[in-house]
């Protein structure tokens, strides 16, 4: 886990599914936490989001190859926005935590 002023590690998990490559990326300091937005909740479950620590270029390459991606956390979501994978207006907020999904059609 990171210190309060430290940049959180990016955790990257890639898996092949019958419908293509599924990628999950999260800020490492959010793993295992749960967030709410009204009646909807988001659990950053280790079973889904835990993966290898990755640098930004590795995450970008993974997002470029995936079919679907789930991103949680300020660092993960901002990277996807900065690199053109996600539009800011499609980002959800759960208790101040950013969440976005990516689906290539």
PDB file of N, CA and C in Angstrom:
ATOM      1  N   UNK A   1       0.837  -1.178   0.000  1.00  0.00           N
ATOM      2  CA  UNK A   1       0.000   0.000   0.000  1.00  0.00           C
ATOM      3  C   UNK A   1       0.881   1.239   0.000  1.00  0.00           C
ATOM      4  N   UNK A   2       0.351   2.347  -0.502  1.00  0.00           N
ATOM      5  CA  UNK A   2       1.160   3.542  -0.628  1.00  0.00           C
ATOM      6  C   UNK A   2       0.972   4.480   0.548  1.00  0.00           C
ATOM      7  N   UNK A   3       1.965   5.315   0.741  1.00  0.00           N
ATOM      8  CA  UNK A   3       1.891   6.370   1.744  1.00  0.00           C
ATOM      9  C   UNK A   3       0.959   7.453   1.218  1.00  0.00           C
ATOM     10  N   UNK A   4       0.403   8.341   2.092  1.00  0.00           N
ATOM     11  CA  UNK A   4      -0.569   9.332   1.663  1.00  0.00           C
ATOM     12  C   UNK A   4      -0.131  10.203   0.489  1.00  0.00           C
ATOM     13  N   UNK A   5       1.126  10.627   0.413  1.00  0.00           N
ATOM     14  CA  UNK A   5       1.566  11.498  -0.671  1.00  0.00           C
ATOM     15  C   UNK A   5       2.278  10.744  -1.791  1.00  0.00           C
ATOM     16  N   UNK A   6       2.305   9.445  -1.711  1.00  0.00           N
ATOM     17  CA  UNK A   6       2.971   8.622  -2.704  1.00  0.00           C
ATOM     18  C   UNK A   6       1.989   8.288  -3.823  1.00  0.00           C
ATOM     19  N   UNK A   7       2.490   8.241  -5.058  1.00  0.00           N
ATOM     20  CA  UNK A   7       1.652   7.853  -6.185  1.00  0.00           C
ATOM     21  C   UNK A   7       1.332   6.372  -6.059  1.00  0.00           C
ATOM     22  N   UNK A   8       0.043   6.001  -6.124  1.00  0.00           N
ATOM     23  CA  UNK A   8      -0.295   4.581  -5.984  1.00  0.00           C
ATOM     24  C   UNK A   8       0.208   3.768  -7.171  1.00  0.00           C
ATOM     25  N   UNK A   9       0.578   2.538  -6.893  1.00  0.00           N
ATOM     26  CA  UNK A   9       0.965   1.617  -7.959  1.00  0.00           C
ATOM     27  C   UNK A   9      -0.247   1.309  -8.815  1.00  0.00           C
ATOM     28  N   UNK A  10      -0.022   1.069 -10.088  1.00  0.00           N
ATOM     29  CA  UNK A  10      -1.090   0.589 -10.964  1.00  0.00           C
ATOM     30  C   UNK A  10      -1.030  -0.931 -10.979  1.00  0.00           C
ATOM     31  N   UNK A  11      -2.161  -1.565 -10.703  1.00  0.00           N
ATOM     32  CA  UNK A  11      -2.255  -3.025 -10.755  1.00  0.00           C
ATOM     33  C   UNK A  11      -2.983  -3.410 -12.035  1.00  0.00           C
ATOM     34  N   UNK A  12      -2.391  -4.280 -12.795  1.00  0.00           N
ATOM     35  CA  UNK A  12      -2.901  -4.690 -14.096  1.00  0.00           C
ATOM     36  C   UNK A  12      -3.163  -6.185 -14.100  1.00  0.00           C
ATOM     37  N   UNK A  13      -4.373  -6.560 -14.527  1.00  0.00           N
ATOM     38  CA  UNK A  13      -4.746  -7.965 -14.648  1.00  0.00           C
ATOM     39  C   UNK A  13      -5.316  -8.162 -16.048  1.00  0.00           C
ATOM     40  N   UNK A  14      -4.752  -9.097 -16.788  1.00  0.00           N
ATOM     41  CA  UNK A  14      -5.245  -9.428 -18.124  1.00  0.00           C
ATOM     42  C   UNK A  14      -5.680 -10.883 -18.130  1.00  0.00           C
ATOM     43  N   UNK A  15      -6.820 -11.137 -18.746  1.00  0.00           N
ATOM     44  CA  UNK A  15      -7.280 -12.519 -18.866  1.00  0.00           C
ATOM     45  C   UNK A  15      -8.025 -12.678 -20.183  1.00  0.00           C
ATOM     46  N   UNK A  16      -7.867 -13.856 -20.750  1.00  0.00           N
ATOM     47  CA  UNK A  16      -8.588 -14.184 -21.986  1.00  0.00           C
ATOM     48  C   UNK A  16      -9.935 -14.782 -21.618  1.00  0.00           C
ATOM     49  N   UNK A  17     -10.981 -14.329 -22.292  1.00  0.00           N
ATOM     50  CA  UNK A  17     -12.325 -14.852 -22.084  1.00  0.00           C
ATOM     51  C   UNK A  17     -12.866 -15.301 -23.443  1.00  0.00           C
ATOM     52  N   UNK A  18     -13.982 -16.019 -23.451  1.00  0.00           N
ATOM     53  CA  UNK A  18     -14.568 -16.406 -24.739  1.00  0.00           C
ATOM     54  C   UNK A  18     -14.932 -15.196 -25.608  1.00  0.00           C
ATOM     55  N   UNK A  19     -15.098 -14.023 -24.992  1.00  0.00           N
ATOM     56  CA  UNK A  19     -15.464 -12.821 -25.749  1.00  0.00           C
ATOM     57  C   UNK A  19     -14.285 -11.884 -25.977  1.00  0.00           C
ATOM     58  N   UNK A  20     -13.065 -12.337 -25.670  1.00  0.00           N
ATOM     59  CA  UNK A  20     -11.893 -11.511 -25.924  1.00  0.00           C
ATOM     60  C   UNK A  20     -11.101 -11.238 -24.655  1.00  0.00           C
ATOM     61  N   UNK A  21     -10.126 -10.351 -24.783  1.00  0.00           N
ATOM     62  CA  UNK A  21      -9.234 -10.022 -23.663  1.00  0.00           C
ATOM     63  C   UNK A  21      -9.901  -9.021 -22.720  1.00  0.00           C
ATOM     64  N   UNK A  22      -9.990  -9.405 -21.457  1.00  0.00           N
ATOM     65  CA  UNK A  22     -10.551  -8.568 -20.401  1.00  0.00           C
ATOM     66  C   UNK A  22      -9.395  -8.038 -19.561  1.00  0.00           C
ATOM     67  N   UNK A  23      -9.344  -6.727 -19.409  1.00  0.00           N
ATOM     68  CA  UNK A  23      -8.281  -6.076 -18.652  1.00  0.00           C
ATOM     69  C   UNK A  23      -8.901  -5.330 -17.476  1.00  0.00           C
ATOM     70  N   UNK A  24      -8.277  -5.453 -16.324  1.00  0.00           N
ATOM     71  CA  UNK A  24      -8.670  -4.634 -15.179  1.00  0.00           C
ATOM     72  C   UNK A  24      -7.433  -3.888 -14.689  1.00  0.00           C
ATOM     73  N   UNK A  25      -7.651  -2.609 -14.365  1.00  0.00           N
ATOM     74  CA  UNK A  25      -6.573  -1.757 -13.876  1.00  0.00           C
ATOM     75  C   UNK A  25      -7.119  -0.992 -12.683  1.00  0.00           C
ATOM     76  N   UNK A  26      -6.342  -0.964 -11.609  1.00  0.00           N
ATOM     77  CA  UNK A  26      -6.768  -0.175 -10.457  1.00  0.00           C
ATOM     78  C   UNK A  26      -5.574   0.452  -9.772  1.00  0.00           C
ATOM     79  N   UNK A  27      -5.842   1.540  -9.078  1.00  0.00           N
ATOM     80  CA  UNK A  27      -4.849   2.127  -8.195  1.00  0.00           C
ATOM     81  C   UNK A  27      -4.671   1.141  -7.041  1.00  0.00           C
ATOM     82  N   UNK A  28      -3.441   0.740  -6.778  1.00  0.00           N
ATOM     83  CA  UNK A  28      -3.163  -0.299  -5.799  1.00  0.00           C
ATOM     84  C   UNK A  28      -3.682  -0.030  -4.407  1.00  0.00           C
ATOM     85  N   UNK A  29      -3.806   1.237  -4.031  1.00  0.00           N
ATOM     86  CA  UNK A  29      -4.273   1.550  -2.681  1.00  0.00           C
ATOM     87  C   UNK A  29      -5.777   1.365  -2.510  1.00  0.00           C
ATOM     88  N   UNK A  30      -6.479   1.016  -3.588  1.00  0.00           N
ATOM     89  CA  UNK A  30      -7.937   0.816  -3.515  1.00  0.00           C
ATOM     90  C   UNK A  30      -8.330  -0.657  -3.415  1.00  0.00           C
ATOM     91  N   UNK A  31      -7.388  -1.542  -3.609  1.00  0.00           N
ATOM     92  CA  UNK A  31      -7.675  -2.974  -3.622  1.00  0.00           C
ATOM     93  C   UNK A  31      -8.347  -3.408  -2.319  1.00  0.00           C
ATOM     94  N   UNK A  32      -9.478  -4.097  -2.444  1.00  0.00           N
ATOM     95  CA  UNK A  32     -10.208  -4.599  -1.283  1.00  0.00           C
ATOM     96  C   UNK A  32     -11.211  -3.624  -0.700  1.00  0.00           C
ATOM     97  N   UNK A  33     -11.308  -2.427  -1.258  1.00  0.00           N
ATOM     98  CA  UNK A  33     -12.231  -1.420  -0.719  1.00  0.00           C
ATOM     99  C   UNK A  33     -13.564  -1.439  -1.474  1.00  0.00           C
ATOM    100  N   UNK A  34     -14.582  -0.878  -0.830  1.00  0.00           N
ATOM    101  CA  UNK A  34     -15.913  -0.785  -1.439  1.00  0.00           C
ATOM    102  C   UNK A  34     -16.357   0.670  -1.422  1.00  0.00           C
ATOM    103  N   UNK A  35     -17.003   1.087  -2.516  1.00  0.00           N
ATOM    104  CA  UNK A  35     -17.454   2.471  -2.670  1.00  0.00           C
ATOM    105  C   UNK A  35     -18.909   2.477  -3.111  1.00  0.00           C
ATOM    106  N   UNK A  36     -19.613   3.574  -2.815  1.00  0.00           N
ATOM    107  CA  UNK A  36     -21.032   3.672  -3.167  1.00  0.00           C
ATOM    108  C   UNK A  36     -21.324   4.961  -3.926  1.00  0.00           C
ATOM    109  N   UNK A  37     -22.393   4.884  -4.713  1.00  0.00           N
ATOM    110  CA  UNK A  37     -22.945   6.037  -5.416  1.00  0.00           C
ATOM    111  C   UNK A  37     -24.451   5.818  -5.406  1.00  0.00           C
ATOM    112  N   UNK A  38     -25.111   6.389  -4.420  1.00  0.00           N
ATOM    113  CA  UNK A  38     -26.546   6.151  -4.269  1.00  0.00           C
ATOM    114  C   UNK A  38     -26.789   4.691  -3.949  1.00  0.00           C
ATOM    115  N   UNK A  39     -27.608   4.039  -4.762  1.00  0.00           N
ATOM    116  CA  UNK A  39     -27.944   2.637  -4.513  1.00  0.00           C
ATOM    117  C   UNK A  39     -26.974   1.665  -5.193  1.00  0.00           C
ATOM    118  N   UNK A  40     -25.966   2.195  -5.867  1.00  0.00           N
ATOM    119  CA  UNK A  40     -25.018   1.356  -6.594  1.00  0.00           C
ATOM    120  C   UNK A  40     -23.695   1.321  -5.832  1.00  0.00           C
ATOM    121  N   UNK A  41     -23.100   0.127  -5.746  1.00  0.00           N
ATOM    122  CA  UNK A  41     -21.810   0.010  -5.069  1.00  0.00           C
ATOM    123  C   UNK A  41     -20.768  -0.570  -6.023  1.00  0.00           C
ATOM    124  N   UNK A  42     -19.517  -0.318  -5.692  1.00  0.00           N
ATOM    125  CA  UNK A  42     -18.393  -0.816  -6.465  1.00  0.00           C
ATOM    126  C   UNK A  42     -17.402  -1.433  -5.493  1.00  0.00           C
ATOM    127  N   UNK A  43     -17.114  -2.703  -5.671  1.00  0.00           N
ATOM    128  CA  UNK A  43     -16.141  -3.398  -4.840  1.00  0.00           C
ATOM    129  C   UNK A  43     -14.893  -3.651  -5.671  1.00  0.00           C
ATOM    130  N   UNK A  44     -13.760  -3.186  -5.186  1.00  0.00           N
ATOM    131  CA  UNK A  44     -12.489  -3.389  -5.871  1.00  0.00           C
ATOM    132  C   UNK A  44     -11.917  -4.710  -5.346  1.00  0.00           C
ATOM    133  N   UNK A  45     -12.513  -5.785  -5.810  1.00  0.00           N
ATOM    134  CA  UNK A  45     -12.194  -7.113  -5.271  1.00  0.00           C
ATOM    135  C   UNK A  45     -10.830  -7.597  -5.755  1.00  0.00           C
ATOM    136  N   UNK A  46     -10.051  -8.159  -4.838  1.00  0.00           N
ATOM    137  CA  UNK A  46      -8.757  -8.708  -5.227  1.00  0.00           C
ATOM    138  C   UNK A  46      -8.883  -9.798  -6.295  1.00  0.00           C
ATOM    139  N   UNK A  47      -9.955 -10.580  -6.267  1.00  0.00           N
ATOM    140  CA  UNK A  47     -10.146 -11.648  -7.251  1.00  0.00           C
ATOM    141  C   UNK A  47     -10.219 -11.093  -8.673  1.00  0.00           C
ATOM    142  N   UNK A  48     -10.727  -9.881  -8.826  1.00  0.00           N
ATOM    143  CA  UNK A  48     -10.887  -9.296 -10.156  1.00  0.00           C
ATOM    144  C   UNK A  48      -9.781  -8.306 -10.495  1.00  0.00           C
ATOM    145  N   UNK A  49      -9.424  -7.455  -9.551  1.00  0.00           N
ATOM    146  CA  UNK A  49      -8.510  -6.346  -9.837  1.00  0.00           C
ATOM    147  C   UNK A  49      -7.054  -6.596  -9.477  1.00  0.00           C
ATOM    148  N   UNK A  50      -6.759  -7.543  -8.591  1.00  0.00           N
ATOM    149  CA  UNK A  50      -5.363  -7.724  -8.207  1.00  0.00           C
ATOM    150  C   UNK A  50      -4.583  -8.274  -9.398  1.00  0.00           C
ATOM    151  N   UNK A  51      -3.410  -7.750  -9.569  1.00  0.00           N
ATOM    152  CA  UNK A  51      -2.566  -8.189 -10.677  1.00  0.00           C
ATOM    153  C   UNK A  51      -1.150  -7.728 -10.450  1.00  0.00           C
ATOM    154  N   UNK A  52      -0.407  -7.665 -11.510  1.00  0.00           N
ATOM    155  CA  UNK A  52       0.985  -7.246 -11.433  1.00  0.00           C
ATOM    156  C   UNK A  52       1.070  -5.725 -11.418  1.00  0.00           C
ATOM    157  N   UNK A  53       2.047  -5.201 -10.675  1.00  0.00           N
ATOM    158  CA  UNK A  53       2.312  -3.772 -10.754  1.00  0.00           C
ATOM    159  C   UNK A  53       2.813  -3.488 -12.157  1.00  0.00           C
ATOM    160  N   UNK A  54       2.316  -2.394 -12.745  1.00  0.00           N
ATOM    161  CA  UNK A  54       2.674  -2.078 -14.124  1.00  0.00           C
ATOM    162  C   UNK A  54       2.952  -0.590 -14.262  1.00  0.00           C
ATOM    163  N   UNK A  55       3.858  -0.258 -15.176  1.00  0.00           N
ATOM    164  CA  UNK A  55       4.090   1.153 -15.453  1.00  0.00           C
ATOM    165  C   UNK A  55       3.024   1.639 -16.445  1.00  0.00           C
ATOM    166  N   UNK A  56       2.989   2.942 -16.645  1.00  0.00           N
ATOM    167  CA  UNK A  56       1.934   3.517 -17.479  1.00  0.00           C
ATOM    168  C   UNK A  56       1.967   2.998 -18.906  1.00  0.00           C
ATOM    169  N   UNK A  57       3.153   2.834 -19.486  1.00  0.00           N
ATOM    170  CA  UNK A  57       3.242   2.360 -20.868  1.00  0.00           C
ATOM    171  C   UNK A  57       2.735   0.932 -21.017  1.00  0.00           C
ATOM    172  N   UNK A  58       2.961   0.098 -20.018  1.00  0.00           N
ATOM    173  CA  UNK A  58       2.454  -1.276 -20.051  1.00  0.00           C
ATOM    174  C   UNK A  58       0.933  -1.272 -19.985  1.00  0.00           C
ATOM    175  N   UNK A  59       0.359  -0.410 -19.137  1.00  0.00           N
ATOM    176  CA  UNK A  59      -1.097  -0.307 -19.040  1.00  0.00           C
ATOM    177  C   UNK A  59      -1.673   0.181 -20.363  1.00  0.00           C
ATOM    178  N   UNK A  60      -1.080   1.191 -20.961  1.00  0.00           N
ATOM    179  CA  UNK A  60      -1.563   1.731 -22.242  1.00  0.00           C
ATOM    180  C   UNK A  60      -1.521   0.648 -23.320  1.00  0.00           C
ATOM    181  N   UNK A  61      -0.449  -0.117 -23.385  1.00  0.00           N
ATOM    182  CA  UNK A  61      -0.347  -1.191 -24.372  1.00  0.00           C
ATOM    183  C   UNK A  61      -1.432  -2.240 -24.145  1.00  0.00           C
ATOM    184  N   UNK A  62      -1.712  -2.545 -22.888  1.00  0.00           N
ATOM    185  CA  UNK A  62      -2.742  -3.519 -22.559  1.00  0.00           C
ATOM    186  C   UNK A  62      -4.125  -3.004 -22.964  1.00  0.00           C
ATOM    187  N   UNK A  63      -4.405  -1.737 -22.698  1.00  0.00           N
ATOM    188  CA  UNK A  63      -5.691  -1.157 -23.084  1.00  0.00           C
ATOM    189  C   UNK A  63      -5.865  -1.151 -24.598  1.00  0.00           C
ATOM    190  N   UNK A  64      -4.778  -0.965 -25.324  1.00  0.00           N
ATOM    191  CA  UNK A  64      -4.849  -0.954 -26.790  1.00  0.00           C
ATOM    192  C   UNK A  64      -5.158  -2.339 -27.346  1.00  0.00           C
ATOM    193  N   UNK A  65      -4.824  -3.399 -26.613  1.00  0.00           N
ATOM    194  CA  UNK A  65      -5.037  -4.786 -27.080  1.00  0.00           C
ATOM    195  C   UNK A  65      -6.322  -5.421 -26.560  1.00  0.00           C
ATOM    196  N   UNK A  66      -6.963  -4.788 -25.578  1.00  0.00           N
ATOM    197  CA  UNK A  66      -8.097  -5.449 -24.923  1.00  0.00           C
ATOM    198  C   UNK A  66      -9.381  -5.334 -25.726  1.00  0.00           C
ATOM    199  N   UNK A  67     -10.339  -6.155 -25.347  1.00  0.00           N
ATOM    200  CA  UNK A  67     -11.696  -6.062 -25.871  1.00  0.00           C
ATOM    201  C   UNK A  67     -12.546  -5.245 -24.901  1.00  0.00           C
ATOM    202  N   UNK A  68     -12.331  -5.488 -23.602  1.00  0.00           N
ATOM    203  CA  UNK A  68     -13.068  -4.824 -22.528  1.00  0.00           C
ATOM    204  C   UNK A  68     -12.096  -4.497 -21.411  1.00  0.00           C
ATOM    205  N   UNK A  69     -12.326  -3.345 -20.752  1.00  0.00           N
ATOM    206  CA  UNK A  69     -11.492  -2.989 -19.606  1.00  0.00           C
ATOM    207  C   UNK A  69     -12.338  -2.341 -18.524  1.00  0.00           C
ATOM    208  N   UNK A  70     -11.949  -2.583 -17.282  1.00  0.00           N
ATOM    209  CA  UNK A  70     -12.536  -1.950 -16.113  1.00  0.00           C
ATOM    210  C   UNK A  70     -11.405  -1.226 -15.395  1.00  0.00           C
ATOM    211  N   UNK A  71     -11.628   0.053 -15.095  1.00  0.00           N
ATOM    212  CA  UNK A  71     -10.596   0.870 -14.468  1.00  0.00           C
ATOM    213  C   UNK A  71     -11.156   1.519 -13.215  1.00  0.00           C
ATOM    214  N   UNK A  72     -10.378   1.499 -12.133  1.00  0.00           N
ATOM    215  CA  UNK A  72     -10.797   2.109 -10.876  1.00  0.00           C
ATOM    216  C   UNK A  72      -9.636   2.916 -10.306  1.00  0.00           C
ATOM    217  N   UNK A  73      -9.944   4.134  -9.901  1.00  0.00           N
ATOM    218  CA  UNK A  73      -8.963   4.975  -9.238  1.00  0.00           C
ATOM    219  C   UNK A  73      -8.574   6.170 -10.082  1.00  0.00           C
ATOM    220  N   UNK A  74      -8.154   7.209  -9.413  1.00  0.00           N
ATOM    221  CA  UNK A  74      -7.796   8.447 -10.094  1.00  0.00           C
ATOM    222  C   UNK A  74      -6.665   8.242 -11.088  1.00  0.00           C
ATOM    223  N   UNK A  75      -5.608   7.575 -10.668  1.00  0.00           N
ATOM    224  CA  UNK A  75      -4.469   7.398 -11.560  1.00  0.00           C
ATOM    225  C   UNK A  75      -4.826   6.541 -12.772  1.00  0.00           C
ATOM    226  N   UNK A  76      -5.487   5.418 -12.550  1.00  0.00           N
ATOM    227  CA  UNK A  76      -5.844   4.510 -13.643  1.00  0.00           C
ATOM    228  C   UNK A  76      -6.784   5.184 -14.635  1.00  0.00           C
ATOM    229  N   UNK A  77      -7.825   5.830 -14.130  1.00  0.00           N
ATOM    230  CA  UNK A  77      -8.817   6.460 -15.014  1.00  0.00           C
ATOM    231  C   UNK A  77      -8.217   7.666 -15.730  1.00  0.00           C
ATOM    232  N   UNK A  78      -7.451   8.487 -15.020  1.00  0.00           N
ATOM    233  CA  UNK A  78      -6.840   9.650 -15.671  1.00  0.00           C
ATOM    234  C   UNK A  78      -5.898   9.243 -16.792  1.00  0.00           C
ATOM    235  N   UNK A  79      -5.156   8.166 -16.598  1.00  0.00           N
ATOM    236  CA  UNK A  79      -4.270   7.672 -17.652  1.00  0.00           C
ATOM    237  C   UNK A  79      -5.084   7.289 -18.888  1.00  0.00           C
ATOM    238  N   UNK A  80      -6.185   6.584 -18.682  1.00  0.00           N
ATOM    239  CA  UNK A  80      -7.036   6.181 -19.810  1.00  0.00           C
ATOM    240  C   UNK A  80      -7.627   7.394 -20.521  1.00  0.00           C
ATOM    241  N   UNK A  81      -7.967   8.428 -19.778  1.00  0.00           N
ATOM    242  CA  UNK A  81      -8.486   9.662 -20.388  1.00  0.00           C
ATOM    243  C   UNK A  81      -7.380  10.359 -21.175  1.00  0.00           C
ATOM    244  N   UNK A  82      -6.219  10.540 -20.553  1.00  0.00           N
ATOM    245  CA  UNK A  82      -5.097  11.240 -21.192  1.00  0.00           C
ATOM    246  C   UNK A  82      -4.670  10.570 -22.491  1.00  0.00           C
ATOM    247  N   UNK A  83      -4.762   9.244 -22.546  1.00  0.00           N
ATOM    248  CA  UNK A  83      -4.324   8.508 -23.740  1.00  0.00           C
ATOM    249  C   UNK A  83      -5.454   8.245 -24.732  1.00  0.00           C
ATOM    250  N   UNK A  84      -6.649   8.800 -24.463  1.00  0.00           N
ATOM    251  CA  UNK A  84      -7.739   8.745 -25.427  1.00  0.00           C
ATOM    252  C   UNK A  84      -8.576   7.479 -25.419  1.00  0.00           C
ATOM    253  N   UNK A  85      -8.477   6.671 -24.382  1.00  0.00           N
ATOM    254  CA  UNK A  85      -9.281   5.454 -24.305  1.00  0.00           C
ATOM    255  C   UNK A  85     -10.663   5.700 -23.708  1.00  0.00           C
ATOM    256  N   UNK A  86     -10.778   6.695 -22.837  1.00  0.00           N
ATOM    257  CA  UNK A  86     -12.020   6.972 -22.114  1.00  0.00           C
ATOM    258  C   UNK A  86     -12.317   8.463 -22.214  1.00  0.00           C
ATOM    259  N   UNK A  87     -13.594   8.812 -22.416  1.00  0.00           N
ATOM    260  CA  UNK A  87     -14.025  10.212 -22.400  1.00  0.00           C
ATOM    261  C   UNK A  87     -14.399  10.608 -20.985  1.00  0.00           C
ATOM    262  N   UNK A  88     -13.977  11.781 -20.576  1.00  0.00           N
ATOM    263  CA  UNK A  88     -14.236  12.281 -19.220  1.00  0.00           C
ATOM    264  C   UNK A  88     -15.718  12.192 -18.848  1.00  0.00           C
ATOM    265  N   UNK A  89     -16.600  12.482 -19.790  1.00  0.00           N
ATOM    266  CA  UNK A  89     -18.040  12.487 -19.476  1.00  0.00           C
ATOM    267  C   UNK A  89     -18.598  11.095 -19.202  1.00  0.00           C
ATOM    268  N   UNK A  90     -17.823  10.061 -19.484  1.00  0.00           N
ATOM    269  CA  UNK A  90     -18.260   8.685 -19.225  1.00  0.00           C
ATOM    270  C   UNK A  90     -17.710   8.102 -17.929  1.00  0.00           C
ATOM    271  N   UNK A  91     -17.026   8.916 -17.148  1.00  0.00           N
ATOM    272  CA  UNK A  91     -16.437   8.458 -15.894  1.00  0.00           C
ATOM    273  C   UNK A  91     -17.467   8.568 -14.775  1.00  0.00           C
ATOM    274  N   UNK A  92     -17.570   7.523 -13.970  1.00  0.00           N
ATOM    275  CA  UNK A  92     -18.478   7.516 -12.829  1.00  0.00           C
ATOM    276  C   UNK A  92     -17.702   7.838 -11.554  1.00  0.00           C
ATOM    277  N   UNK A  93     -18.414   8.372 -10.565  1.00  0.00           N
ATOM    278  CA  UNK A  93     -17.813   8.695  -9.284  1.00  0.00           C
ATOM    279  C   UNK A  93     -18.495   7.873  -8.195  1.00  0.00           C
ATOM    280  N   UNK A  94     -17.692   7.160  -7.430  1.00  0.00           N
ATOM    281  CA  UNK A  94     -18.174   6.377  -6.291  1.00  0.00           C
ATOM    282  C   UNK A  94     -17.444   6.877  -5.057  1.00  0.00           C
ATOM    283  N   UNK A  95     -18.108   7.651  -4.231  1.00  0.00           N
ATOM    284  CA  UNK A  95     -17.487   8.185  -3.005  1.00  0.00           C
ATOM    285  C   UNK A  95     -16.155   8.861  -3.295  1.00  0.00           C
ATOM    286  N   UNK A  96     -16.057   9.589  -4.404  1.00  0.00           N
ATOM    287  CA  UNK A  96     -14.817  10.277  -4.743  1.00  0.00           C
ATOM    288  C   UNK A  96     -13.807   9.416  -5.478  1.00  0.00           C
ATOM    289  N   UNK A  97     -14.145   8.163  -5.737  1.00  0.00           N
ATOM    290  CA  UNK A  97     -13.266   7.258  -6.472  1.00  0.00           C
ATOM    291  C   UNK A  97     -13.776   7.147  -7.898  1.00  0.00           C
ATOM    292  N   UNK A  98     -12.884   7.287  -8.848  1.00  0.00           N
ATOM    293  CA  UNK A  98     -13.264   7.268 -10.262  1.00  0.00           C
ATOM    294  C   UNK A  98     -13.334   5.832 -10.790  1.00  0.00           C
ATOM    295  N   UNK A  99     -14.319   5.597 -11.682  1.00  0.00           N
ATOM    296  CA  UNK A  99     -14.494   4.287 -12.301  1.00  0.00           C
ATOM    297  C   UNK A  99     -14.890   4.496 -13.761  1.00  0.00           C
ATOM    298  N   UNK A 100     -14.294   3.696 -14.632  1.00  0.00           N
ATOM    299  CA  UNK A 100     -14.660   3.752 -16.038  1.00  0.00           C
ATOM    300  C   UNK A 100     -14.582   2.350 -16.624  1.00  0.00           C
ATOM    301  N   UNK A 101     -15.374   2.158 -17.664  1.00  0.00           N
ATOM    302  CA  UNK A 101     -15.327   0.901 -18.418  1.00  0.00           C
ATOM    303  C   UNK A 101     -15.048   1.235 -19.875  1.00  0.00           C
ATOM    304  N   UNK A 102     -14.360   0.326 -20.518  1.00  0.00           N
ATOM    305  CA  UNK A 102     -13.993   0.475 -21.921  1.00  0.00           C
ATOM    306  C   UNK A 102     -14.456  -0.760 -22.657  1.00  0.00           C
ATOM    307  N   UNK A 103     -15.125  -0.556 -23.770  1.00  0.00           N
ATOM    308  CA  UNK A 103     -15.588  -1.665 -24.594  1.00  0.00           C
ATOM    309  C   UNK A 103     -15.340  -1.296 -26.046  1.00  0.00           C
ATOM    310  N   UNK A 104     -14.519  -2.089 -26.705  1.00  0.00           N
ATOM    311  CA  UNK A 104     -14.270  -1.877 -28.138  1.00  0.00           C
ATOM    312  C   UNK A 104     -15.323  -2.647 -28.920  1.00  0.00           C
ATOM    313  N   UNK A 105     -16.005  -1.974 -29.819  1.00  0.00           N
ATOM    314  CA  UNK A 105     -17.022  -2.610 -30.655  1.00  0.00           C
ATOM    315  C   UNK A 105     -16.514  -2.800 -32.064  1.00  0.00           C
TER     316      UNK A 105
END
